[in-house]
Amino acid sequence: MKELVGICAICAKNLYCVDGFFQGHIVNNQNLCISCFEQNKKEPTE
C-alpha cells in the first residue's frame, strides 16, 4: 500500500509511506526526500 504523507520542504517532491515505511527523512520538523537529505548531509555546516 502506498500513501501520500507529505511534500519535500526543499524540492516539493511528493513523499509516500510504502507498506508502513516512510520514504524520506524528517529533519528539524521538515519532511525531506532522500535525495535532498543526502545533498544537505554532505554540505558543511557553518
C-alpha atoms as a PDB file:
ATOM      1  CA  MET A   1       0.000   0.000   0.000  1.00  0.00           C
ATOM      2  CA  LYS A   2       1.277   3.473  -0.886  1.00  0.00           C
ATOM      3  CA  GLU A   3       0.004   6.623   0.859  1.00  0.00           C
ATOM      4  CA  LEU A   4       0.933  10.246   0.218  1.00  0.00           C
ATOM      5  CA  VAL A   5       2.088  11.673   3.558  1.00  0.00           C
ATOM      6  CA  GLY A   6       3.800  14.939   2.690  1.00  0.00           C
ATOM      7  CA  ILE A   7       5.927  17.054   0.389  1.00  0.00           C
ATOM      8  CA  CYS A   8       9.695  17.638   0.494  1.00  0.00           C
ATOM      9  CA  ALA A   9      10.448  21.021   2.068  1.00  0.00           C
ATOM     10  CA  ILE A  10      13.226  21.674  -0.475  1.00  0.00           C
ATOM     11  CA  CYS A  11      12.181  20.298  -3.881  1.00  0.00           C
ATOM     12  CA  ALA A  12       8.403  19.828  -3.346  1.00  0.00           C
ATOM     13  CA  LYS A  13       8.541  16.144  -4.373  1.00  0.00           C
ATOM     14  CA  ASN A  14       5.665  14.003  -3.063  1.00  0.00           C
ATOM     15  CA  LEU A  15       6.666  11.782  -0.148  1.00  0.00           C
ATOM     16  CA  TYR A  16       4.978   8.454   0.441  1.00  0.00           C
ATOM     17  CA  CYS A  17       4.629   5.820   3.111  1.00  0.00           C
ATOM     18  CA  VAL A  18       5.028   2.411   1.425  1.00  0.00           C
ATOM     19  CA  ASP A  19       3.847  -0.639   3.357  1.00  0.00           C
ATOM     20  CA  GLY A  20       4.240   1.300   6.611  1.00  0.00           C
ATOM     21  CA  PHE A  21       7.721   2.715   5.897  1.00  0.00           C
ATOM     22  CA  PHE A  22       8.257   6.438   5.266  1.00  0.00           C
ATOM     23  CA  GLN A  23      10.222   7.038   2.066  1.00  0.00           C
ATOM     24  CA  GLY A  24      12.104  10.121   3.274  1.00  0.00           C
ATOM     25  CA  HIS A  25      13.572  11.779   6.344  1.00  0.00           C
ATOM     26  CA  ILE A  26      12.286  14.191   8.978  1.00  0.00           C
ATOM     27  CA  VAL A  27      14.838  16.873   9.885  1.00  0.00           C
ATOM     28  CA  ASN A  28      14.018  19.831  12.145  1.00  0.00           C
ATOM     29  CA  ASN A  29      10.292  19.069  11.797  1.00  0.00           C
ATOM     30  CA  GLN A  30      10.538  19.214   7.989  1.00  0.00           C
ATOM     31  CA  ASN A  31       9.986  16.351   5.563  1.00  0.00           C
ATOM     32  CA  LEU A  32      12.844  15.786   3.127  1.00  0.00           C
ATOM     33  CA  CYS A  33      13.095  13.362   0.222  1.00  0.00           C
ATOM     34  CA  ILE A  34      16.068  11.018   0.262  1.00  0.00           C
ATOM     35  CA  SER A  35      17.884  12.992  -2.474  1.00  0.00           C
ATOM     36  CA  CYS A  36      17.615  16.348  -0.685  1.00  0.00           C
ATOM     37  CA  PHE A  37      18.591  14.739   2.631  1.00  0.00           C
ATOM     38  CA  GLU A  38      21.742  13.243   1.075  1.00  0.00           C
ATOM     39  CA  GLN A  39      22.711  16.555  -0.596  1.00  0.00           C
ATOM     40  CA  ASN A  40      22.239  18.555   2.613  1.00  0.00           C
ATOM     41  CA  LYS A  41      24.071  15.967   4.690  1.00  0.00           C
ATOM     42  CA  LYS A  42      27.246  16.390   2.591  1.00  0.00           C
ATOM     43  CA  GLU A  43      27.360  20.205   2.774  1.00  0.00           C
ATOM     44  CA  PRO A  44      29.473  21.561   5.647  1.00  0.00           C
ATOM     45  CA  THR A  45      27.610  23.409   8.359  1.00  0.00           C
ATOM     46  CA  GLU A  46      28.805  26.832   9.437  1.00  0.00           C
END
